[in-house]
Amino acid sequence: MNMTMVIYTLFVLVEMILHLIRHFRYQKAEGETLMHAQKMDIRLTLLMDLLQLPLSLIFTRFLNLFSAVILVFGEAYPNQLAGSYAGDRRHGT
């Protein structure tokens, strides 16, 4: 596990807590009239929050793969245009 996944998991947990707080506040305000709809809504919301974790796991693995595979052009092509966005201005390239 890397730090990106840990931080994203913390954000998802905070998001779930905020959704639960919002759900309980609205439940108190509306009473019994829409209880079943609210129960289904909060289940779906929490499920979608949880499904962010596998997606973020895949995304962080791609980040790790690309950072390990993609070469750093500045090291591979020093003093050339491929080595940086504008090239090395000292040599006029």
PDB file of N, CA and C in Angstrom:
ATOM      1  N   MET A   1       0.828  -1.186   0.000  1.00  0.00           N
ATOM      2  CA  MET A   1       0.000   0.000   0.000  1.00  0.00           C
ATOM      3  C   MET A   1       0.865   1.239   0.000  1.00  0.00           C
ATOM      4  N   ASN A   2       0.471   2.194  -0.770  1.00  0.00           N
ATOM      5  CA  ASN A   2       1.240   3.417  -0.721  1.00  0.00           C
ATOM      6  C   ASN A   2       0.411   4.519  -0.080  1.00  0.00           C
ATOM      7  N   MET A   3       1.036   5.653   0.108  1.00  0.00           N
ATOM      8  CA  MET A   3       0.414   6.747   0.834  1.00  0.00           C
ATOM      9  C   MET A   3      -0.778   7.334   0.087  1.00  0.00           C
ATOM     10  N   THR A   4      -0.762   7.297  -1.233  1.00  0.00           N
ATOM     11  CA  THR A   4      -1.885   7.826  -2.005  1.00  0.00           C
ATOM     12  C   THR A   4      -3.158   7.061  -1.676  1.00  0.00           C
ATOM     13  N   MET A   5      -3.065   5.758  -1.593  1.00  0.00           N
ATOM     14  CA  MET A   5      -4.230   4.925  -1.275  1.00  0.00           C
ATOM     15  C   MET A   5      -4.705   5.178   0.149  1.00  0.00           C
ATOM     16  N   VAL A   6      -3.790   5.329   1.076  1.00  0.00           N
ATOM     17  CA  VAL A   6      -4.159   5.579   2.471  1.00  0.00           C
ATOM     18  C   VAL A   6      -4.900   6.906   2.599  1.00  0.00           C
ATOM     19  N   ILE A   7      -4.388   7.938   1.974  1.00  0.00           N
ATOM     20  CA  ILE A   7      -5.023   9.250   2.047  1.00  0.00           C
ATOM     21  C   ILE A   7      -6.391   9.218   1.378  1.00  0.00           C
ATOM     22  N   TYR A   8      -6.488   8.569   0.244  1.00  0.00           N
ATOM     23  CA  TYR A   8      -7.771   8.500  -0.436  1.00  0.00           C
ATOM     24  C   TYR A   8      -8.793   7.715   0.384  1.00  0.00           C
ATOM     25  N   THR A   9      -8.358   6.656   1.057  1.00  0.00           N
ATOM     26  CA  THR A   9      -9.250   5.903   1.925  1.00  0.00           C
ATOM     27  C   THR A   9      -9.765   6.768   3.066  1.00  0.00           C
ATOM     28  N   LEU A  10      -8.896   7.591   3.619  1.00  0.00           N
ATOM     29  CA  LEU A  10      -9.335   8.512   4.670  1.00  0.00           C
ATOM     30  C   LEU A  10     -10.365   9.499   4.147  1.00  0.00           C
ATOM     31  N   PHE A  11     -10.164  10.006   2.941  1.00  0.00           N
ATOM     32  CA  PHE A  11     -11.142  10.916   2.343  1.00  0.00           C
ATOM     33  C   PHE A  11     -12.492  10.229   2.132  1.00  0.00           C
ATOM     34  N   VAL A  12     -12.471   8.980   1.699  1.00  0.00           N
ATOM     35  CA  VAL A  12     -13.718   8.242   1.489  1.00  0.00           C
ATOM     36  C   VAL A  12     -14.428   8.022   2.828  1.00  0.00           C
ATOM     37  N   LEU A  13     -13.691   7.695   3.876  1.00  0.00           N
ATOM     38  CA  LEU A  13     -14.296   7.517   5.190  1.00  0.00           C
ATOM     39  C   LEU A  13     -14.928   8.809   5.701  1.00  0.00           C
ATOM     40  N   VAL A  14     -14.246   9.926   5.503  1.00  0.00           N
ATOM     41  CA  VAL A  14     -14.807  11.225   5.899  1.00  0.00           C
ATOM     42  C   VAL A  14     -16.069  11.515   5.095  1.00  0.00           C
ATOM     43  N   GLU A  15     -16.053  11.200   3.812  1.00  0.00           N
ATOM     44  CA  GLU A  15     -17.222  11.399   2.964  1.00  0.00           C
ATOM     45  C   GLU A  15     -18.401  10.559   3.449  1.00  0.00           C
ATOM     46  N   MET A  16     -18.133   9.321   3.841  1.00  0.00           N
ATOM     47  CA  MET A  16     -19.201   8.463   4.344  1.00  0.00           C
ATOM     48  C   MET A  16     -19.775   9.003   5.653  1.00  0.00           C
ATOM     49  N   ILE A  17     -18.917   9.491   6.523  1.00  0.00           N
ATOM     50  CA  ILE A  17     -19.381  10.077   7.785  1.00  0.00           C
ATOM     51  C   ILE A  17     -20.248  11.301   7.522  1.00  0.00           C
ATOM     52  N   LEU A  18     -19.823  12.136   6.583  1.00  0.00           N
ATOM     53  CA  LEU A  18     -20.620  13.315   6.246  1.00  0.00           C
ATOM     54  C   LEU A  18     -21.970  12.928   5.639  1.00  0.00           C
ATOM     55  N   HIS A  19     -21.999  11.891   4.821  1.00  0.00           N
ATOM     56  CA  HIS A  19     -23.268  11.425   4.272  1.00  0.00           C
ATOM     57  C   HIS A  19     -24.190  10.897   5.370  1.00  0.00           C
ATOM     58  N   LEU A  20     -23.628  10.187   6.338  1.00  0.00           N
ATOM     59  CA  LEU A  20     -24.440   9.691   7.448  1.00  0.00           C
ATOM     60  C   LEU A  20     -24.989  10.837   8.294  1.00  0.00           C
ATOM     61  N   ILE A  21     -24.166  11.837   8.556  1.00  0.00           N
ATOM     62  CA  ILE A  21     -24.625  13.006   9.320  1.00  0.00           C
ATOM     63  C   ILE A  21     -25.766  13.700   8.586  1.00  0.00           C
ATOM     64  N   ARG A  22     -25.609  13.901   7.297  1.00  0.00           N
ATOM     65  CA  ARG A  22     -26.659  14.543   6.506  1.00  0.00           C
ATOM     66  C   ARG A  22     -27.933  13.702   6.510  1.00  0.00           C
ATOM     67  N   HIS A  23     -27.774  12.395   6.395  1.00  0.00           N
ATOM     68  CA  HIS A  23     -28.932  11.506   6.387  1.00  0.00           C
ATOM     69  C   HIS A  23     -29.712  11.607   7.701  1.00  0.00           C
ATOM     70  N   PHE A  24     -29.024  11.563   8.837  1.00  0.00           N
ATOM     71  CA  PHE A  24     -29.715  11.608  10.126  1.00  0.00           C
ATOM     72  C   PHE A  24     -30.348  12.971  10.390  1.00  0.00           C
ATOM     73  N   ARG A  25     -29.726  14.040   9.912  1.00  0.00           N
ATOM     74  CA  ARG A  25     -30.339  15.368  10.061  1.00  0.00           C
ATOM     75  C   ARG A  25     -31.626  15.484   9.256  1.00  0.00           C
ATOM     76  N   TYR A  26     -31.603  15.009   8.012  1.00  0.00           N
ATOM     77  CA  TYR A  26     -32.806  15.075   7.180  1.00  0.00           C
ATOM     78  C   TYR A  26     -33.877  14.113   7.676  1.00  0.00           C
ATOM     79  N   GLN A  27     -33.469  12.994   8.243  1.00  0.00           N
ATOM     80  CA  GLN A  27     -34.424  12.023   8.754  1.00  0.00           C
ATOM     81  C   GLN A  27     -35.202  12.613   9.925  1.00  0.00           C
ATOM     82  N   LYS A  28     -34.527  13.338  10.791  1.00  0.00           N
ATOM     83  CA  LYS A  28     -35.203  13.986  11.913  1.00  0.00           C
ATOM     84  C   LYS A  28     -36.149  15.073  11.425  1.00  0.00           C
ATOM     85  N   ALA A  29     -35.753  15.792  10.386  1.00  0.00           N
ATOM     86  CA  ALA A  29     -36.568  16.890   9.890  1.00  0.00           C
ATOM     87  C   ALA A  29     -37.823  16.405   9.176  1.00  0.00           C
ATOM     88  N   GLU A  30     -37.734  15.316   8.436  1.00  0.00           N
ATOM     89  CA  GLU A  30     -38.864  14.847   7.644  1.00  0.00           C
ATOM     90  C   GLU A  30     -39.743  13.848   8.382  1.00  0.00           C
ATOM     91  N   GLY A  31     -39.241  13.227   9.404  1.00  0.00           N
ATOM     92  CA  GLY A  31     -40.050  12.293  10.166  1.00  0.00           C
ATOM     93  C   GLY A  31     -40.227  10.960   9.469  1.00  0.00           C
ATOM     94  N   GLU A  32     -41.399  10.349   9.632  1.00  0.00           N
ATOM     95  CA  GLU A  32     -41.674   9.001   9.152  1.00  0.00           C
ATOM     96  C   GLU A  32     -42.171   8.937   7.714  1.00  0.00           C
ATOM     97  N   THR A  33     -42.451  10.069   7.081  1.00  0.00           N
ATOM     98  CA  THR A  33     -43.120  10.041   5.779  1.00  0.00           C
ATOM     99  C   THR A  33     -42.289   9.363   4.696  1.00  0.00           C
ATOM    100  N   LEU A  34     -41.000   9.620   4.654  1.00  0.00           N
ATOM    101  CA  LEU A  34     -40.153   9.063   3.592  1.00  0.00           C
ATOM    102  C   LEU A  34     -39.069   8.135   4.142  1.00  0.00           C
ATOM    103  N   MET A  35     -39.376   7.449   5.221  1.00  0.00           N
ATOM    104  CA  MET A  35     -38.371   6.622   5.893  1.00  0.00           C
ATOM    105  C   MET A  35     -37.798   5.536   4.972  1.00  0.00           C
ATOM    106  N   HIS A  36     -38.650   4.811   4.255  1.00  0.00           N
ATOM    107  CA  HIS A  36     -38.155   3.722   3.393  1.00  0.00           C
ATOM    108  C   HIS A  36     -37.293   4.270   2.257  1.00  0.00           C
ATOM    109  N   ALA A  37     -37.719   5.366   1.639  1.00  0.00           N
ATOM    110  CA  ALA A  37     -36.943   5.953   0.542  1.00  0.00           C
ATOM    111  C   ALA A  37     -35.597   6.460   1.034  1.00  0.00           C
ATOM    112  N   GLN A  38     -35.580   7.028   2.211  1.00  0.00           N
ATOM    113  CA  GLN A  38     -34.313   7.514   2.760  1.00  0.00           C
ATOM    114  C   GLN A  38     -33.380   6.357   3.101  1.00  0.00           C
ATOM    115  N   LYS A  39     -33.932   5.249   3.594  1.00  0.00           N
ATOM    116  CA  LYS A  39     -33.103   4.092   3.933  1.00  0.00           C
ATOM    117  C   LYS A  39     -32.439   3.526   2.682  1.00  0.00           C
ATOM    118  N   MET A  40     -33.204   3.426   1.585  1.00  0.00           N
ATOM    119  CA  MET A  40     -32.643   2.934   0.330  1.00  0.00           C
ATOM    120  C   MET A  40     -31.626   3.928  -0.234  1.00  0.00           C
ATOM    121  N   ASP A  41     -31.909   5.211  -0.088  1.00  0.00           N
ATOM    122  CA  ASP A  41     -31.020   6.245  -0.603  1.00  0.00           C
ATOM    123  C   ASP A  41     -29.679   6.229   0.123  1.00  0.00           C
ATOM    124  N   ILE A  42     -29.699   6.094   1.449  1.00  0.00           N
ATOM    125  CA  ILE A  42     -28.437   6.094   2.187  1.00  0.00           C
ATOM    126  C   ILE A  42     -27.642   4.823   1.903  1.00  0.00           C
ATOM    127  N   ARG A  43     -28.332   3.705   1.696  1.00  0.00           N
ATOM    128  CA  ARG A  43     -27.616   2.467   1.344  1.00  0.00           C
ATOM    129  C   ARG A  43     -26.911   2.610   0.000  1.00  0.00           C
ATOM    130  N   LEU A  44     -27.609   3.185  -0.964  1.00  0.00           N
ATOM    131  CA  LEU A  44     -27.007   3.384  -2.279  1.00  0.00           C
ATOM    132  C   LEU A  44     -25.847   4.369  -2.210  1.00  0.00           C
ATOM    133  N   THR A  45     -26.027   5.431  -1.438  1.00  0.00           N
ATOM    134  CA  THR A  45     -24.966   6.431  -1.300  1.00  0.00           C
ATOM    135  C   THR A  45     -23.725   5.826  -0.658  1.00  0.00           C
ATOM    136  N   LEU A  46     -23.911   5.059   0.401  1.00  0.00           N
ATOM    137  CA  LEU A  46     -22.767   4.436   1.076  1.00  0.00           C
ATOM    138  C   LEU A  46     -22.116   3.367   0.203  1.00  0.00           C
ATOM    139  N   LEU A  47     -22.918   2.650  -0.578  1.00  0.00           N
ATOM    140  CA  LEU A  47     -22.351   1.671  -1.505  1.00  0.00           C
ATOM    141  C   LEU A  47     -21.488   2.352  -2.558  1.00  0.00           C
ATOM    142  N   MET A  48     -21.977   3.460  -3.090  1.00  0.00           N
ATOM    143  CA  MET A  48     -21.176   4.186  -4.088  1.00  0.00           C
ATOM    144  C   MET A  48     -19.905   4.748  -3.468  1.00  0.00           C
ATOM    145  N   ASP A  49     -19.983   5.174  -2.207  1.00  0.00           N
ATOM    146  CA  ASP A  49     -18.779   5.634  -1.523  1.00  0.00           C
ATOM    147  C   ASP A  49     -17.767   4.498  -1.379  1.00  0.00           C
ATOM    148  N   LEU A  50     -18.244   3.313  -0.999  1.00  0.00           N
ATOM    149  CA  LEU A  50     -17.347   2.163  -0.838  1.00  0.00           C
ATOM    150  C   LEU A  50     -16.749   1.702  -2.165  1.00  0.00           C
ATOM    151  N   LEU A  51     -17.518   1.829  -3.238  1.00  0.00           N
ATOM    152  CA  LEU A  51     -17.006   1.399  -4.546  1.00  0.00           C
ATOM    153  C   LEU A  51     -15.900   2.314  -5.075  1.00  0.00           C
ATOM    154  N   GLN A  52     -15.715   3.449  -4.440  1.00  0.00           N
ATOM    155  CA  GLN A  52     -14.591   4.306  -4.818  1.00  0.00           C
ATOM    156  C   GLN A  52     -13.256   3.675  -4.438  1.00  0.00           C
ATOM    157  N   LEU A  53     -13.253   2.851  -3.409  1.00  0.00           N
ATOM    158  CA  LEU A  53     -11.991   2.253  -2.942  1.00  0.00           C
ATOM    159  C   LEU A  53     -11.362   1.297  -3.952  1.00  0.00           C
ATOM    160  N   PRO A  54     -12.101   0.343  -4.547  1.00  0.00           N
ATOM    161  CA  PRO A  54     -11.455  -0.487  -5.572  1.00  0.00           C
ATOM    162  C   PRO A  54     -10.987   0.327  -6.777  1.00  0.00           C
ATOM    163  N   LEU A  55     -11.782   1.324  -7.142  1.00  0.00           N
ATOM    164  CA  LEU A  55     -11.378   2.179  -8.254  1.00  0.00           C
ATOM    165  C   LEU A  55     -10.091   2.928  -7.925  1.00  0.00           C
ATOM    166  N   SER A  56      -9.987   3.440  -6.715  1.00  0.00           N
ATOM    167  CA  SER A  56      -8.775   4.165  -6.341  1.00  0.00           C
ATOM    168  C   SER A  56      -7.580   3.225  -6.221  1.00  0.00           C
ATOM    169  N   LEU A  57      -7.819   1.968  -5.836  1.00  0.00           N
ATOM    170  CA  LEU A  57      -6.738   0.996  -5.780  1.00  0.00           C
ATOM    171  C   LEU A  57      -6.158   0.758  -7.170  1.00  0.00           C
ATOM    172  N   ILE A  58      -7.023   0.578  -8.141  1.00  0.00           N
ATOM    173  CA  ILE A  58      -6.577   0.396  -9.526  1.00  0.00           C
ATOM    174  C   ILE A  58      -5.844   1.642 -10.014  1.00  0.00           C
ATOM    175  N   PHE A  59      -6.397   2.805  -9.706  1.00  0.00           N
ATOM    176  CA  PHE A  59      -5.779   4.054 -10.146  1.00  0.00           C
ATOM    177  C   PHE A  59      -4.393   4.245  -9.540  1.00  0.00           C
ATOM    178  N   THR A  60      -4.231   3.960  -8.237  1.00  0.00           N
ATOM    179  CA  THR A  60      -2.907   4.123  -7.623  1.00  0.00           C
ATOM    180  C   THR A  60      -1.912   3.120  -8.182  1.00  0.00           C
ATOM    181  N   ARG A  61      -2.376   1.916  -8.543  1.00  0.00           N
ATOM    182  CA  ARG A  61      -1.458   0.944  -9.156  1.00  0.00           C
ATOM    183  C   ARG A  61      -0.986   1.427 -10.521  1.00  0.00           C
ATOM    184  N   PHE A  62      -1.878   2.049 -11.282  1.00  0.00           N
ATOM    185  CA  PHE A  62      -1.456   2.636 -12.559  1.00  0.00           C
ATOM    186  C   PHE A  62      -0.476   3.780 -12.341  1.00  0.00           C
ATOM    187  N   LEU A  63      -0.692   4.580 -11.327  1.00  0.00           N
ATOM    188  CA  LEU A  63       0.263   5.649 -11.024  1.00  0.00           C
ATOM    189  C   LEU A  63       1.637   5.073 -10.715  1.00  0.00           C
ATOM    190  N   ASN A  64       1.670   4.031  -9.913  1.00  0.00           N
ATOM    191  CA  ASN A  64       2.951   3.393  -9.578  1.00  0.00           C
ATOM    192  C   ASN A  64       3.600   2.781 -10.809  1.00  0.00           C
ATOM    193  N   LEU A  65       2.802   2.146 -11.660  1.00  0.00           N
ATOM    194  CA  LEU A  65       3.333   1.543 -12.874  1.00  0.00           C
ATOM    195  C   LEU A  65       3.932   2.603 -13.792  1.00  0.00           C
ATOM    196  N   PHE A  66       3.202   3.675 -14.016  1.00  0.00           N
ATOM    197  CA  PHE A  66       3.699   4.713 -14.911  1.00  0.00           C
ATOM    198  C   PHE A  66       4.918   5.431 -14.346  1.00  0.00           C
ATOM    199  N   SER A  67       4.950   5.637 -13.039  1.00  0.00           N
ATOM    200  CA  SER A  67       6.126   6.303 -12.470  1.00  0.00           C
ATOM    201  C   SER A  67       7.358   5.395 -12.529  1.00  0.00           C
ATOM    202  N   ALA A  68       7.163   4.087 -12.535  1.00  0.00           N
ATOM    203  CA  ALA A  68       8.296   3.167 -12.620  1.00  0.00           C
ATOM    204  C   ALA A  68       8.743   2.931 -14.056  1.00  0.00           C
ATOM    205  N   VAL A  69       7.830   3.009 -15.024  1.00  0.00           N
ATOM    206  CA  VAL A  69       8.145   2.652 -16.402  1.00  0.00           C
ATOM    207  C   VAL A  69       8.536   3.850 -17.247  1.00  0.00           C
ATOM    208  N   ILE A  70       7.821   4.941 -17.095  1.00  0.00           N
ATOM    209  CA  ILE A  70       8.094   6.111 -17.932  1.00  0.00           C
ATOM    210  C   ILE A  70       9.418   6.726 -17.518  1.00  0.00           C
ATOM    211  N   LEU A  71      10.296   6.894 -18.477  1.00  0.00           N
ATOM    212  CA  LEU A  71      11.604   7.424 -18.158  1.00  0.00           C
ATOM    213  C   LEU A  71      11.541   8.940 -17.973  1.00  0.00           C
ATOM    214  N   VAL A  72      12.476   9.423 -17.221  1.00  0.00           N
ATOM    215  CA  VAL A  72      12.571  10.858 -17.001  1.00  0.00           C
ATOM    216  C   VAL A  72      13.387  11.426 -18.151  1.00  0.00           C
ATOM    217  N   PHE A  73      12.730  12.213 -18.992  1.00  0.00           N
ATOM    218  CA  PHE A  73      13.396  12.709 -20.193  1.00  0.00           C
ATOM    219  C   PHE A  73      14.562  13.633 -19.872  1.00  0.00           C
ATOM    220  N   GLY A  74      14.501  14.324 -18.748  1.00  0.00           N
ATOM    221  CA  GLY A  74      15.597  15.204 -18.363  1.00  0.00           C
ATOM    222  C   GLY A  74      16.881  14.444 -18.099  1.00  0.00           C
ATOM    223  N   GLU A  75      16.772  13.233 -17.622  1.00  0.00           N
ATOM    224  CA  GLU A  75      17.950  12.408 -17.375  1.00  0.00           C
ATOM    225  C   GLU A  75      18.362  11.643 -18.624  1.00  0.00           C
ATOM    226  N   ALA A  76      17.388  11.209 -19.410  1.00  0.00           N
ATOM    227  CA  ALA A  76      17.690  10.414 -20.594  1.00  0.00           C
ATOM    228  C   ALA A  76      18.222  11.271 -21.741  1.00  0.00           C
ATOM    229  N   TYR A  77      17.737  12.506 -21.845  1.00  0.00           N
ATOM    230  CA  TYR A  77      18.134  13.405 -22.935  1.00  0.00           C
ATOM    231  C   TYR A  77      18.551  14.756 -22.378  1.00  0.00           C
ATOM    232  N   PRO A  78      19.694  14.825 -21.734  1.00  0.00           N
ATOM    233  CA  PRO A  78      20.094  16.119 -21.167  1.00  0.00           C
ATOM    234  C   PRO A  78      20.441  17.126 -22.273  1.00  0.00           C
ATOM    235  N   ASN A  79      20.140  18.371 -22.025  1.00  0.00           N
ATOM    236  CA  ASN A  79      20.438  19.489 -22.932  1.00  0.00           C
ATOM    237  C   ASN A  79      19.779  19.338 -24.297  1.00  0.00           C
ATOM    238  N   GLN A  80      18.641  18.689 -24.370  1.00  0.00           N
ATOM    239  CA  GLN A  80      17.906  18.561 -25.616  1.00  0.00           C
ATOM    240  C   GLN A  80      16.455  18.945 -25.380  1.00  0.00           C
ATOM    241  N   LEU A  81      15.743  19.185 -26.460  1.00  0.00           N
ATOM    242  CA  LEU A  81      14.346  19.588 -26.348  1.00  0.00           C
ATOM    243  C   LEU A  81      13.510  18.499 -25.692  1.00  0.00           C
ATOM    244  N   ALA A  82      13.820  17.241 -25.933  1.00  0.00           N
ATOM    245  CA  ALA A  82      13.070  16.152 -25.300  1.00  0.00           C
ATOM    246  C   ALA A  82      13.323  16.106 -23.800  1.00  0.00           C
ATOM    247  N   GLY A  83      14.430  16.694 -23.355  1.00  0.00           N
ATOM    248  CA  GLY A  83      14.780  16.675 -21.939  1.00  0.00           C
ATOM    249  C   GLY A  83      13.958  17.613 -21.096  1.00  0.00           C
ATOM    250  N   SER A  84      13.359  18.603 -21.692  1.00  0.00           N
ATOM    251  CA  SER A  84      12.500  19.517 -20.962  1.00  0.00           C
ATOM    252  C   SER A  84      11.483  20.091 -21.929  1.00  0.00           C
ATOM    253  N   TYR A  85      10.555  20.807 -21.396  1.00  0.00           N
ATOM    254  CA  TYR A  85       9.494  21.338 -22.240  1.00  0.00           C
ATOM    255  C   TYR A  85      10.046  22.332 -23.247  1.00  0.00           C
ATOM    256  N   ALA A  86      10.878  23.215 -22.809  1.00  0.00           N
ATOM    257  CA  ALA A  86      11.401  24.250 -23.705  1.00  0.00           C
ATOM    258  C   ALA A  86      12.837  23.987 -24.131  1.00  0.00           C
ATOM    259  N   GLY A  87      13.398  22.913 -23.700  1.00  0.00           N
ATOM    260  CA  GLY A  87      14.793  22.647 -24.049  1.00  0.00           C
ATOM    261  C   GLY A  87      15.736  23.443 -23.165  1.00  0.00           C
ATOM    262  N   ASP A  88      16.984  23.268 -23.353  1.00  0.00           N
ATOM    263  CA  ASP A  88      17.969  23.984 -22.560  1.00  0.00           C
ATOM    264  C   ASP A  88      18.241  25.323 -23.254  1.00  0.00           C
ATOM    265  N   ARG A  89      17.804  26.386 -22.682  1.00  0.00           N
ATOM    266  CA  ARG A  89      17.896  27.712 -23.298  1.00  0.00           C
ATOM    267  C   ARG A  89      19.334  28.227 -23.373  1.00  0.00           C
ATOM    268  N   ARG A  90      20.206  27.664 -22.570  1.00  0.00           N
ATOM    269  CA  ARG A  90      21.600  28.126 -22.613  1.00  0.00           C
ATOM    270  C   ARG A  90      22.277  27.766 -23.924  1.00  0.00           C
ATOM    271  N   HIS A  91      21.878  26.662 -24.523  1.00  0.00           N
ATOM    272  CA  HIS A  91      22.496  26.203 -25.762  1.00  0.00           C
ATOM    273  C   HIS A  91      21.682  26.546 -26.998  1.00  0.00           C
ATOM    274  N   GLY A  92      20.541  27.209 -26.805  1.00  0.00           N
ATOM    275  CA  GLY A  92      19.740  27.645 -27.935  1.00  0.00           C
ATOM    276  C   GLY A  92      18.962  26.549 -28.617  1.00  0.00           C
ATOM    277  N   THR A  93      18.664  25.452 -27.933  1.00  0.00           N
ATOM    278  CA  THR A  93      17.883  24.384 -28.557  1.00  0.00           C
ATOM    279  C   THR A  93      16.433  24.466 -28.169  1.00  0.00           C
TER     280      THR A  93
END
